[in-house]
Amino acid sequence: MSVRNNTFSMRVQILDDNNEVTSSPITVIGRECWTLRKLVDAGDKGVSSLDNIGPRTSHYVYKLRGYGFAIETVHEKHGGDFPGSHARYRLHSKLHILSDMVRAAA
């Protein structure tokens, strides 16, 4: 899947705890779409840049939050040759997916 191609898009609506729509339709494209799809697929496990080396995950999460998506950041320590910490992101917004061109293209 080439995420440079902006034909990769998702159109969603955010739901409340009663599965009622709380947002107008939101369309995300490109890397934001790729990140949202990764978050949806990951569920409670969440997404880390360690799982997907290369993309600027934190930036795309920042942009998704601007649309109104509730995304948690958890800081995790790691060892190895370059010990430190990394962020793991978990999507807390429940979504109604209206269209998913990522799935169609995959």
C-alpha atoms as a PDB file:
ATOM      1  CA  MET A   1       0.000   0.000   0.000  1.00  0.00           C
ATOM      2  CA  SER A   2       1.408   3.355  -0.983  1.00  0.00           C
ATOM      3  CA  VAL A   3       0.349   5.935   1.581  1.00  0.00           C
ATOM      4  CA  ARG A   4       1.739   8.758  -0.528  1.00  0.00           C
ATOM      5  CA  ASN A   5      -1.295   8.315  -2.726  1.00  0.00           C
ATOM      6  CA  ASN A   6      -4.102  10.445  -1.274  1.00  0.00           C
ATOM      7  CA  THR A   7      -6.679   8.092  -2.754  1.00  0.00           C
ATOM      8  CA  PHE A   8      -6.292   6.224   0.550  1.00  0.00           C
ATOM      9  CA  SER A   9      -9.033   7.707   2.666  1.00  0.00           C
ATOM     10  CA  MET A  10     -11.458   6.919   5.446  1.00  0.00           C
ATOM     11  CA  ARG A  11     -14.709   8.688   6.200  1.00  0.00           C
ATOM     12  CA  VAL A  12     -15.903   8.179   9.772  1.00  0.00           C
ATOM     13  CA  GLN A  13     -18.142   9.566  12.461  1.00  0.00           C
ATOM     14  CA  ILE A  14     -17.360   9.572  16.179  1.00  0.00           C
ATOM     15  CA  LEU A  15     -19.842   7.756  18.434  1.00  0.00           C
ATOM     16  CA  ASP A  16     -20.658   8.258  22.110  1.00  0.00           C
ATOM     17  CA  ASP A  17     -20.954   5.482  24.708  1.00  0.00           C
ATOM     18  CA  ASN A  18     -24.508   4.759  23.510  1.00  0.00           C
ATOM     19  CA  ASN A  19     -23.297   4.384  19.901  1.00  0.00           C
ATOM     20  CA  GLU A  20     -25.002   7.645  18.941  1.00  0.00           C
ATOM     21  CA  VAL A  21     -23.267   9.815  16.338  1.00  0.00           C
ATOM     22  CA  THR A  22     -21.596  12.870  17.909  1.00  0.00           C
ATOM     23  CA  SER A  23     -19.735  14.296  14.917  1.00  0.00           C
ATOM     24  CA  SER A  24     -20.238  15.292  11.343  1.00  0.00           C
ATOM     25  CA  PRO A  25     -18.544  12.954   8.873  1.00  0.00           C
ATOM     26  CA  ILE A  26     -14.748  13.276   9.079  1.00  0.00           C
ATOM     27  CA  THR A  27     -12.571  12.396   6.089  1.00  0.00           C
ATOM     28  CA  VAL A  28      -8.910  11.585   6.667  1.00  0.00           C
ATOM     29  CA  ILE A  29      -6.468  10.937   3.839  1.00  0.00           C
ATOM     30  CA  GLY A  30      -2.865   9.882   3.298  1.00  0.00           C
ATOM     31  CA  ARG A  31      -0.737   9.232   6.388  1.00  0.00           C
ATOM     32  CA  GLU A  32      -3.504  10.339   8.748  1.00  0.00           C
ATOM     33  CA  CYS A  33      -5.723   7.697   7.162  1.00  0.00           C
ATOM     34  CA  TRP A  34      -2.956   5.098   7.466  1.00  0.00           C
ATOM     35  CA  THR A  35      -2.454   5.981  11.149  1.00  0.00           C
ATOM     36  CA  LEU A  36      -6.172   5.880  11.934  1.00  0.00           C
ATOM     37  CA  ARG A  37      -6.472   2.472  10.268  1.00  0.00           C
ATOM     38  CA  LYS A  38      -3.478   1.201  12.320  1.00  0.00           C
ATOM     39  CA  LEU A  39      -5.120   2.505  15.522  1.00  0.00           C
ATOM     40  CA  VAL A  40      -8.461   0.877  14.667  1.00  0.00           C
ATOM     41  CA  ASP A  41      -6.807  -2.442  13.808  1.00  0.00           C
ATOM     42  CA  ALA A  42      -4.595  -2.431  16.921  1.00  0.00           C
ATOM     43  CA  GLY A  43      -7.479  -2.015  19.370  1.00  0.00           C
ATOM     44  CA  ASP A  44      -6.376  -2.055  23.019  1.00  0.00           C
ATOM     45  CA  LYS A  45      -2.804  -3.033  22.055  1.00  0.00           C
ATOM     46  CA  GLY A  46      -2.264   0.395  20.559  1.00  0.00           C
ATOM     47  CA  VAL A  47       0.336   1.575  18.059  1.00  0.00           C
ATOM     48  CA  SER A  48       3.962   2.517  18.641  1.00  0.00           C
ATOM     49  CA  SER A  49       6.579   3.905  16.297  1.00  0.00           C
ATOM     50  CA  LEU A  50       8.653   0.881  17.327  1.00  0.00           C
ATOM     51  CA  ASP A  51       6.044  -1.262  15.543  1.00  0.00           C
ATOM     52  CA  ASN A  52       6.170   0.911  12.418  1.00  0.00           C
ATOM     53  CA  ILE A  53       9.654   2.335  11.957  1.00  0.00           C
ATOM     54  CA  GLY A  54       9.714   5.335   9.659  1.00  0.00           C
ATOM     55  CA  PRO A  55       6.417   7.207   9.784  1.00  0.00           C
ATOM     56  CA  ARG A  56       6.172  10.210  12.103  1.00  0.00           C
ATOM     57  CA  THR A  57       3.511   8.537  14.216  1.00  0.00           C
ATOM     58  CA  SER A  58       3.376  11.274  16.867  1.00  0.00           C
ATOM     59  CA  HIS A  59       2.735  13.934  14.222  1.00  0.00           C
ATOM     60  CA  TYR A  60      -0.106  11.985  12.590  1.00  0.00           C
ATOM     61  CA  VAL A  61      -1.654  11.308  16.013  1.00  0.00           C
ATOM     62  CA  TYR A  62      -1.430  15.052  16.729  1.00  0.00           C
ATOM     63  CA  LYS A  63      -3.246  15.782  13.478  1.00  0.00           C
ATOM     64  CA  LEU A  64      -5.925  13.151  14.207  1.00  0.00           C
ATOM     65  CA  ARG A  65      -6.536  14.696  17.624  1.00  0.00           C
ATOM     66  CA  GLY A  66      -7.233  17.952  15.799  1.00  0.00           C
ATOM     67  CA  TYR A  67     -10.196  16.236  14.114  1.00  0.00           C
ATOM     68  CA  GLY A  68     -11.556  15.351  17.551  1.00  0.00           C
ATOM     69  CA  PHE A  69     -10.387  11.752  17.950  1.00  0.00           C
ATOM     70  CA  ALA A  70      -9.623  10.727  21.554  1.00  0.00           C
ATOM     71  CA  ILE A  71      -6.163   9.141  21.444  1.00  0.00           C
ATOM     72  CA  GLU A  72      -4.264   8.231  24.614  1.00  0.00           C
ATOM     73  CA  THR A  73      -0.470   8.421  24.857  1.00  0.00           C
ATOM     74  CA  VAL A  74       1.275   5.927  27.159  1.00  0.00           C
ATOM     75  CA  HIS A  75       5.052   6.203  27.642  1.00  0.00           C
ATOM     76  CA  GLU A  76       6.874   2.854  27.768  1.00  0.00           C
ATOM     77  CA  LYS A  77      10.499   2.148  28.628  1.00  0.00           C
ATOM     78  CA  HIS A  78      12.599  -0.076  26.387  1.00  0.00           C
ATOM     79  CA  GLY A  79      16.077  -1.572  26.621  1.00  0.00           C
ATOM     80  CA  GLY A  80      18.439  -2.680  23.913  1.00  0.00           C
ATOM     81  CA  ASP A  81      21.433  -0.909  22.444  1.00  0.00           C
ATOM     82  CA  PHE A  82      19.670   2.447  22.749  1.00  0.00           C
ATOM     83  CA  PRO A  83      17.530   2.241  25.906  1.00  0.00           C
ATOM     84  CA  GLY A  84      14.981   4.926  26.567  1.00  0.00           C
ATOM     85  CA  SER A  85      11.265   5.327  26.186  1.00  0.00           C
ATOM     86  CA  HIS A  86       8.750   5.461  23.398  1.00  0.00           C
ATOM     87  CA  ALA A  87       5.082   6.348  23.113  1.00  0.00           C
ATOM     88  CA  ARG A  88       2.219   3.942  22.491  1.00  0.00           C
ATOM     89  CA  TYR A  89      -1.035   5.398  21.203  1.00  0.00           C
ATOM     90  CA  ARG A  90      -4.506   3.980  21.830  1.00  0.00           C
ATOM     91  CA  LEU A  91      -7.672   5.120  20.101  1.00  0.00           C
ATOM     92  CA  HIS A  92     -10.497   5.640  22.595  1.00  0.00           C
ATOM     93  CA  SER A  93     -13.038   7.137  20.196  1.00  0.00           C
ATOM     94  CA  LYS A  94     -15.654   4.703  18.988  1.00  0.00           C
ATOM     95  CA  LEU A  95     -16.120   5.074  15.254  1.00  0.00           C
ATOM     96  CA  HIS A  96     -18.771   4.441  12.654  1.00  0.00           C
ATOM     97  CA  ILE A  97     -16.827   3.858   9.431  1.00  0.00           C
ATOM     98  CA  LEU A  98     -18.735   5.252   6.468  1.00  0.00           C
ATOM     99  CA  SER A  99     -16.115   4.397   3.835  1.00  0.00           C
ATOM    100  CA  ASP A 100     -12.661   2.850   3.993  1.00  0.00           C
ATOM    101  CA  MET A 101     -10.567   3.112   0.834  1.00  0.00           C
ATOM    102  CA  VAL A 102      -7.616   1.562   2.705  1.00  0.00           C
ATOM    103  CA  ARG A 103      -9.493  -1.717   3.025  1.00  0.00           C
ATOM    104  CA  ALA A 104     -10.701  -1.517  -0.573  1.00  0.00           C
ATOM    105  CA  ALA A 105      -7.156  -0.998  -1.865  1.00  0.00           C
ATOM    106  CA  ALA A 106      -5.483  -3.610   0.351  1.00  0.00           C
END
